[in-house]
């Protein structure tokens, strides 16, 4: 509770935008999860993820300075409402000039799943197959080598049609042809995750590695 109050205090200070919405690009607003910030690598800045899409707020971009500072102060997986202008759209992410960020007015209905899937998992069928969930990024490994990275989206449906109470869709990162995989979440607890791959109907079971 204390960190929520601190979060609200951080975000409600200095909400005025340095630019008028729609003047730099396409006006966009949504709710999403903070993935984190970095000062190194190819894309220095902060990332917000929602609906399987990554929005990158560049450290040296035209974002409102106060809004960017507020974003930098947030912990990974803070659930926020945000608004900005989309500057460019690429295969795996979009550039966003951030104008506004605040605590999301409603709780994410899939917040429990987002928290439950975090960390390292290993296949119960193939000991060489494992994965790591870090925030909203899912990374597959085989025999210790990274084989694929994806953005996570939880909802009640997948983009190719399957509908269920709790669905997980993975959107590939860095693939020449955009690919998404759809799973029905059968259950996730501290030690076990069961997902049914809707394209084939087979259930995948993962546990925590020793």
C-alpha atoms as a PDB file:
ATOM      1  CA  UNK A   1       0.000   0.000   0.000  1.00  0.00           C
ATOM      2  CA  UNK A   2       2.827   2.437   0.861  1.00  0.00           C
ATOM      3  CA  UNK A   3       4.437   2.030  -2.547  1.00  0.00           C
ATOM      4  CA  UNK A   4       1.071   2.713  -4.226  1.00  0.00           C
ATOM      5  CA  UNK A   5       0.723   5.973  -2.319  1.00  0.00           C
ATOM      6  CA  UNK A   6       4.263   6.906  -3.254  1.00  0.00           C
ATOM      7  CA  UNK A   7       3.538   6.039  -6.879  1.00  0.00           C
ATOM      8  CA  UNK A   8       0.461   8.261  -6.903  1.00  0.00           C
ATOM      9  CA  UNK A   9       2.462  11.128  -5.416  1.00  0.00           C
ATOM     10  CA  UNK A  10       5.160  10.775  -8.060  1.00  0.00           C
ATOM     11  CA  UNK A  11       2.722  10.689 -10.942  1.00  0.00           C
ATOM     12  CA  UNK A  12       0.329  13.409  -9.907  1.00  0.00           C
ATOM     13  CA  UNK A  13       3.062  16.051  -9.686  1.00  0.00           C
ATOM     14  CA  UNK A  14       3.554  18.247 -12.773  1.00  0.00           C
ATOM     15  CA  UNK A  15       1.129  16.707 -15.270  1.00  0.00           C
ATOM     16  CA  UNK A  16       1.186  19.566 -17.811  1.00  0.00           C
ATOM     17  CA  UNK A  17       2.377  18.522 -21.262  1.00  0.00           C
ATOM     18  CA  UNK A  18       5.112  20.375 -23.157  1.00  0.00           C
ATOM     19  CA  UNK A  19       3.325  19.794 -26.485  1.00  0.00           C
ATOM     20  CA  UNK A  20      -0.237  19.628 -27.705  1.00  0.00           C
ATOM     21  CA  UNK A  21      -1.489  16.115 -28.430  1.00  0.00           C
ATOM     22  CA  UNK A  22      -1.329  15.249 -32.118  1.00  0.00           C
ATOM     23  CA  UNK A  23       1.205  17.920 -33.087  1.00  0.00           C
ATOM     24  CA  UNK A  24       4.205  15.579 -33.246  1.00  0.00           C
ATOM     25  CA  UNK A  25       2.504  12.437 -34.553  1.00  0.00           C
ATOM     26  CA  UNK A  26      -0.605  10.313 -34.059  1.00  0.00           C
ATOM     27  CA  UNK A  27      -2.283  11.032 -30.719  1.00  0.00           C
ATOM     28  CA  UNK A  28      -2.409   7.800 -28.687  1.00  0.00           C
ATOM     29  CA  UNK A  29      -3.672   6.925 -25.199  1.00  0.00           C
ATOM     30  CA  UNK A  30      -3.856   3.581 -23.418  1.00  0.00           C
ATOM     31  CA  UNK A  31      -3.086   1.672 -20.230  1.00  0.00           C
ATOM     32  CA  UNK A  32      -0.078  -0.578 -19.925  1.00  0.00           C
ATOM     33  CA  UNK A  33       2.830  -1.915 -17.900  1.00  0.00           C
ATOM     34  CA  UNK A  34       6.149  -0.169 -17.403  1.00  0.00           C
ATOM     35  CA  UNK A  35       8.875  -2.494 -18.653  1.00  0.00           C
ATOM     36  CA  UNK A  36      11.713  -0.329 -17.405  1.00  0.00           C
ATOM     37  CA  UNK A  37      14.324   2.211 -18.473  1.00  0.00           C
ATOM     38  CA  UNK A  38      17.894   1.986 -19.691  1.00  0.00           C
ATOM     39  CA  UNK A  39      20.650   4.452 -20.473  1.00  0.00           C
ATOM     40  CA  UNK A  40      22.586   1.989 -22.641  1.00  0.00           C
ATOM     41  CA  UNK A  41      22.031  -0.179 -25.704  1.00  0.00           C
ATOM     42  CA  UNK A  42      20.468   0.671 -29.060  1.00  0.00           C
ATOM     43  CA  UNK A  43      17.388   2.338 -27.563  1.00  0.00           C
ATOM     44  CA  UNK A  44      18.234   4.415 -24.458  1.00  0.00           C
ATOM     45  CA  UNK A  45      14.989   5.369 -22.794  1.00  0.00           C
ATOM     46  CA  UNK A  46      11.921   3.753 -21.241  1.00  0.00           C
ATOM     47  CA  UNK A  47       9.450   1.167 -22.498  1.00  0.00           C
ATOM     48  CA  UNK A  48       5.732   0.738 -21.829  1.00  0.00           C
ATOM     49  CA  UNK A  49       4.050  -2.462 -23.020  1.00  0.00           C
ATOM     50  CA  UNK A  50       0.356  -2.945 -23.734  1.00  0.00           C
ATOM     51  CA  UNK A  51      -1.612  -5.353 -25.916  1.00  0.00           C
ATOM     52  CA  UNK A  52       1.528  -7.054 -27.176  1.00  0.00           C
ATOM     53  CA  UNK A  53       3.043  -3.746 -28.370  1.00  0.00           C
ATOM     54  CA  UNK A  54       6.136  -1.951 -27.101  1.00  0.00           C
ATOM     55  CA  UNK A  55       6.159   1.836 -26.859  1.00  0.00           C
ATOM     56  CA  UNK A  56       9.657   3.252 -26.496  1.00  0.00           C
ATOM     57  CA  UNK A  57      10.068   6.711 -24.988  1.00  0.00           C
ATOM     58  CA  UNK A  58      13.524   7.837 -26.073  1.00  0.00           C
ATOM     59  CA  UNK A  59      15.748   9.484 -23.492  1.00  0.00           C
ATOM     60  CA  UNK A  60      16.645  12.268 -25.951  1.00  0.00           C
ATOM     61  CA  UNK A  61      13.242  12.508 -27.644  1.00  0.00           C
ATOM     62  CA  UNK A  62      10.619  15.296 -27.603  1.00  0.00           C
ATOM     63  CA  UNK A  63       8.687  13.933 -24.594  1.00  0.00           C
ATOM     64  CA  UNK A  64       7.469  16.200 -21.827  1.00  0.00           C
ATOM     65  CA  UNK A  65      10.407  16.352 -19.418  1.00  0.00           C
ATOM     66  CA  UNK A  66       8.297  15.993 -16.278  1.00  0.00           C
ATOM     67  CA  UNK A  67       6.375  13.020 -17.689  1.00  0.00           C
ATOM     68  CA  UNK A  68       9.617  11.285 -18.669  1.00  0.00           C
ATOM     69  CA  UNK A  69      11.055  11.889 -15.210  1.00  0.00           C
ATOM     70  CA  UNK A  70       7.936  10.379 -13.642  1.00  0.00           C
ATOM     71  CA  UNK A  71       8.221   7.347 -15.922  1.00  0.00           C
ATOM     72  CA  UNK A  72      11.862   6.849 -14.971  1.00  0.00           C
ATOM     73  CA  UNK A  73      10.925   6.809 -11.280  1.00  0.00           C
ATOM     74  CA  UNK A  74       8.443   3.948 -11.672  1.00  0.00           C
ATOM     75  CA  UNK A  75       9.151   0.293 -10.836  1.00  0.00           C
ATOM     76  CA  UNK A  76       8.912  -2.429 -13.434  1.00  0.00           C
ATOM     77  CA  UNK A  77       5.314  -3.596 -13.933  1.00  0.00           C
ATOM     78  CA  UNK A  78       3.745  -0.403 -12.620  1.00  0.00           C
ATOM     79  CA  UNK A  79       0.260  -0.311 -14.232  1.00  0.00           C
ATOM     80  CA  UNK A  80      -0.269   3.140 -15.740  1.00  0.00           C
ATOM     81  CA  UNK A  81      -2.442   5.252 -17.991  1.00  0.00           C
ATOM     82  CA  UNK A  82      -0.403   7.165 -20.560  1.00  0.00           C
ATOM     83  CA  UNK A  83      -0.819   9.481 -23.528  1.00  0.00           C
ATOM     84  CA  UNK A  84       1.520  10.683 -26.218  1.00  0.00           C
ATOM     85  CA  UNK A  85       2.196  11.020 -29.920  1.00  0.00           C
ATOM     86  CA  UNK A  86       3.372   8.027 -31.968  1.00  0.00           C
ATOM     87  CA  UNK A  87       6.373   9.228 -33.958  1.00  0.00           C
ATOM     88  CA  UNK A  88       7.388   6.078 -35.855  1.00  0.00           C
ATOM     89  CA  UNK A  89       6.221   2.457 -36.025  1.00  0.00           C
ATOM     90  CA  UNK A  90       8.683  -0.400 -36.553  1.00  0.00           C
ATOM     91  CA  UNK A  91       8.356  -4.193 -36.659  1.00  0.00           C
ATOM     92  CA  UNK A  92       8.741  -4.701 -32.906  1.00  0.00           C
ATOM     93  CA  UNK A  93       8.037  -1.320 -31.330  1.00  0.00           C
ATOM     94  CA  UNK A  94       6.810   2.234 -31.790  1.00  0.00           C
ATOM     95  CA  UNK A  95       8.519   5.494 -30.839  1.00  0.00           C
ATOM     96  CA  UNK A  96       6.364   7.527 -28.455  1.00  0.00           C
ATOM     97  CA  UNK A  97       6.676  11.152 -27.384  1.00  0.00           C
ATOM     98  CA  UNK A  98       5.236  10.910 -23.887  1.00  0.00           C
ATOM     99  CA  UNK A  99       2.906  13.722 -22.819  1.00  0.00           C
ATOM    100  CA  UNK A 100       1.174  12.310 -19.745  1.00  0.00           C
ATOM    101  CA  UNK A 101       1.444   9.383 -17.354  1.00  0.00           C
ATOM    102  CA  UNK A 102      -0.592   8.558 -14.241  1.00  0.00           C
ATOM    103  CA  UNK A 103      -1.777   5.578 -12.202  1.00  0.00           C
ATOM    104  CA  UNK A 104      -4.318   3.625 -14.239  1.00  0.00           C
ATOM    105  CA  UNK A 105      -7.845   4.335 -12.938  1.00  0.00           C
ATOM    106  CA  UNK A 106      -8.776   0.636 -12.932  1.00  0.00           C
ATOM    107  CA  UNK A 107      -6.874  -2.478 -11.925  1.00  0.00           C
ATOM    108  CA  UNK A 108      -5.715  -4.740 -14.744  1.00  0.00           C
ATOM    109  CA  UNK A 109      -7.981  -7.837 -14.602  1.00  0.00           C
ATOM    110  CA  UNK A 110      -4.966  -9.980 -15.531  1.00  0.00           C
ATOM    111  CA  UNK A 111      -2.598  -8.519 -12.930  1.00  0.00           C
ATOM    112  CA  UNK A 112      -2.487 -11.800 -10.993  1.00  0.00           C
ATOM    113  CA  UNK A 113      -1.333 -13.690 -14.077  1.00  0.00           C
ATOM    114  CA  UNK A 114       1.264 -11.055 -14.924  1.00  0.00           C
ATOM    115  CA  UNK A 115       2.782 -11.475 -11.471  1.00  0.00           C
ATOM    116  CA  UNK A 116       2.431 -15.269 -11.371  1.00  0.00           C
ATOM    117  CA  UNK A 117       4.351 -15.925 -14.602  1.00  0.00           C
ATOM    118  CA  UNK A 118       7.424 -13.896 -13.641  1.00  0.00           C
ATOM    119  CA  UNK A 119      10.758 -15.648 -13.395  1.00  0.00           C
ATOM    120  CA  UNK A 120      12.384 -18.776 -14.794  1.00  0.00           C
ATOM    121  CA  UNK A 121      10.469 -21.888 -15.914  1.00  0.00           C
ATOM    122  CA  UNK A 122      11.494 -25.286 -17.307  1.00  0.00           C
ATOM    123  CA  UNK A 123       9.491 -27.717 -19.431  1.00  0.00           C
ATOM    124  CA  UNK A 124       8.441 -30.880 -17.611  1.00  0.00           C
ATOM    125  CA  UNK A 125       8.645 -32.795 -20.921  1.00  0.00           C
ATOM    126  CA  UNK A 126      12.011 -31.598 -22.194  1.00  0.00           C
ATOM    127  CA  UNK A 127      14.643 -30.627 -19.595  1.00  0.00           C
ATOM    128  CA  UNK A 128      16.574 -28.665 -22.225  1.00  0.00           C
ATOM    129  CA  UNK A 129      13.640 -26.324 -22.904  1.00  0.00           C
ATOM    130  CA  UNK A 130      13.222 -23.370 -20.563  1.00  0.00           C
ATOM    131  CA  UNK A 131      11.965 -19.794 -20.535  1.00  0.00           C
ATOM    132  CA  UNK A 132      12.305 -16.593 -18.561  1.00  0.00           C
ATOM    133  CA  UNK A 133       9.565 -14.015 -18.063  1.00  0.00           C
ATOM    134  CA  UNK A 134      10.955 -10.593 -17.195  1.00  0.00           C
ATOM    135  CA  UNK A 135       8.221  -7.998 -16.947  1.00  0.00           C
ATOM    136  CA  UNK A 136       6.222  -8.328 -20.170  1.00  0.00           C
ATOM    137  CA  UNK A 137       9.043  -9.988 -22.133  1.00  0.00           C
ATOM    138  CA  UNK A 138       9.069 -13.777 -22.606  1.00  0.00           C
ATOM    139  CA  UNK A 139      12.386 -15.354 -23.657  1.00  0.00           C
ATOM    140  CA  UNK A 140      12.649 -18.983 -24.810  1.00  0.00           C
ATOM    141  CA  UNK A 141      15.859 -20.967 -24.323  1.00  0.00           C
ATOM    142  CA  UNK A 142      16.991 -24.375 -25.499  1.00  0.00           C
ATOM    143  CA  UNK A 143      20.043 -26.036 -23.979  1.00  0.00           C
ATOM    144  CA  UNK A 144      20.961 -22.700 -22.443  1.00  0.00           C
ATOM    145  CA  UNK A 145      20.828 -20.773 -25.734  1.00  0.00           C
ATOM    146  CA  UNK A 146      18.265 -18.054 -26.426  1.00  0.00           C
ATOM    147  CA  UNK A 147      16.031 -19.063 -29.338  1.00  0.00           C
ATOM    148  CA  UNK A 148      13.207 -16.490 -29.312  1.00  0.00           C
ATOM    149  CA  UNK A 149      11.909 -13.397 -27.547  1.00  0.00           C
ATOM    150  CA  UNK A 150       8.287 -12.279 -27.416  1.00  0.00           C
ATOM    151  CA  UNK A 151       6.045  -9.603 -25.958  1.00  0.00           C
ATOM    152  CA  UNK A 152       3.304 -10.881 -23.640  1.00  0.00           C
ATOM    153  CA  UNK A 153      -0.378  -9.993 -23.849  1.00  0.00           C
ATOM    154  CA  UNK A 154      -3.121 -11.336 -21.570  1.00  0.00           C
ATOM    155  CA  UNK A 155      -6.765 -10.901 -22.603  1.00  0.00           C
ATOM    156  CA  UNK A 156      -9.978 -12.847 -23.256  1.00  0.00           C
ATOM    157  CA  UNK A 157      -9.101 -13.489 -26.916  1.00  0.00           C
ATOM    158  CA  UNK A 158      -6.212 -13.809 -29.353  1.00  0.00           C
ATOM    159  CA  UNK A 159      -5.727 -11.887 -32.583  1.00  0.00           C
ATOM    160  CA  UNK A 160      -6.361 -14.988 -34.715  1.00  0.00           C
ATOM    161  CA  UNK A 161      -9.736 -15.687 -33.089  1.00  0.00           C
ATOM    162  CA  UNK A 162      -9.524 -18.093 -30.118  1.00  0.00           C
ATOM    163  CA  UNK A 163     -11.587 -16.829 -27.192  1.00  0.00           C
ATOM    164  CA  UNK A 164     -11.456 -17.927 -23.572  1.00  0.00           C
ATOM    165  CA  UNK A 165     -11.598 -16.675 -20.038  1.00  0.00           C
ATOM    166  CA  UNK A 166      -7.841 -16.205 -19.839  1.00  0.00           C
ATOM    167  CA  UNK A 167      -5.715 -16.198 -22.965  1.00  0.00           C
ATOM    168  CA  UNK A 168      -2.001 -15.581 -23.367  1.00  0.00           C
ATOM    169  CA  UNK A 169      -0.651 -14.335 -26.684  1.00  0.00           C
ATOM    170  CA  UNK A 170       3.048 -14.045 -27.482  1.00  0.00           C
ATOM    171  CA  UNK A 171       4.125 -11.584 -30.186  1.00  0.00           C
ATOM    172  CA  UNK A 172       7.562 -12.345 -31.605  1.00  0.00           C
ATOM    173  CA  UNK A 173      10.362  -9.768 -31.417  1.00  0.00           C
ATOM    174  CA  UNK A 174      12.822  -9.428 -34.257  1.00  0.00           C
ATOM    175  CA  UNK A 175      11.124 -11.894 -36.606  1.00  0.00           C
ATOM    176  CA  UNK A 176      11.178 -11.123 -40.330  1.00  0.00           C
ATOM    177  CA  UNK A 177       7.529 -12.181 -40.469  1.00  0.00           C
ATOM    178  CA  UNK A 178       5.487 -11.047 -37.427  1.00  0.00           C
ATOM    179  CA  UNK A 179       4.301 -14.141 -35.581  1.00  0.00           C
ATOM    180  CA  UNK A 180       1.964 -14.569 -32.626  1.00  0.00           C
ATOM    181  CA  UNK A 181       1.266 -17.702 -30.609  1.00  0.00           C
ATOM    182  CA  UNK A 182      -1.989 -18.177 -28.707  1.00  0.00           C
ATOM    183  CA  UNK A 183      -2.387 -20.138 -25.460  1.00  0.00           C
ATOM    184  CA  UNK A 184      -5.265 -20.793 -23.098  1.00  0.00           C
ATOM    185  CA  UNK A 185      -4.064 -20.421 -19.524  1.00  0.00           C
ATOM    186  CA  UNK A 186      -5.108 -23.573 -17.685  1.00  0.00           C
ATOM    187  CA  UNK A 187      -3.432 -22.558 -14.444  1.00  0.00           C
ATOM    188  CA  UNK A 188      -0.430 -20.820 -12.927  1.00  0.00           C
ATOM    189  CA  UNK A 189       0.777 -20.980  -9.343  1.00  0.00           C
ATOM    190  CA  UNK A 190       4.113 -20.560  -7.618  1.00  0.00           C
ATOM    191  CA  UNK A 191       5.568 -23.825  -8.963  1.00  0.00           C
ATOM    192  CA  UNK A 192       3.549 -24.887 -12.010  1.00  0.00           C
ATOM    193  CA  UNK A 193       2.284 -23.329 -15.240  1.00  0.00           C
ATOM    194  CA  UNK A 194      -0.043 -25.097 -17.693  1.00  0.00           C
ATOM    195  CA  UNK A 195      -0.811 -23.608 -21.094  1.00  0.00           C
ATOM    196  CA  UNK A 196      -2.809 -25.109 -23.962  1.00  0.00           C
ATOM    197  CA  UNK A 197      -1.465 -24.186 -27.396  1.00  0.00           C
ATOM    198  CA  UNK A 198      -4.678 -23.423 -29.275  1.00  0.00           C
ATOM    199  CA  UNK A 199      -3.301 -24.152 -32.761  1.00  0.00           C
ATOM    200  CA  UNK A 200      -2.688 -27.810 -31.857  1.00  0.00           C
ATOM    201  CA  UNK A 201      -4.682 -28.390 -28.694  1.00  0.00           C
ATOM    202  CA  UNK A 202      -1.709 -29.767 -26.749  1.00  0.00           C
ATOM    203  CA  UNK A 203      -1.003 -28.677 -23.177  1.00  0.00           C
ATOM    204  CA  UNK A 204       2.459 -27.507 -22.166  1.00  0.00           C
ATOM    205  CA  UNK A 205       3.504 -27.870 -18.539  1.00  0.00           C
ATOM    206  CA  UNK A 206       6.309 -25.917 -16.890  1.00  0.00           C
ATOM    207  CA  UNK A 207       7.797 -26.033 -13.422  1.00  0.00           C
ATOM    208  CA  UNK A 208      10.396 -24.040 -11.558  1.00  0.00           C
ATOM    209  CA  UNK A 209      13.932 -25.314 -12.225  1.00  0.00           C
ATOM    210  CA  UNK A 210      15.881 -26.728  -9.301  1.00  0.00           C
END
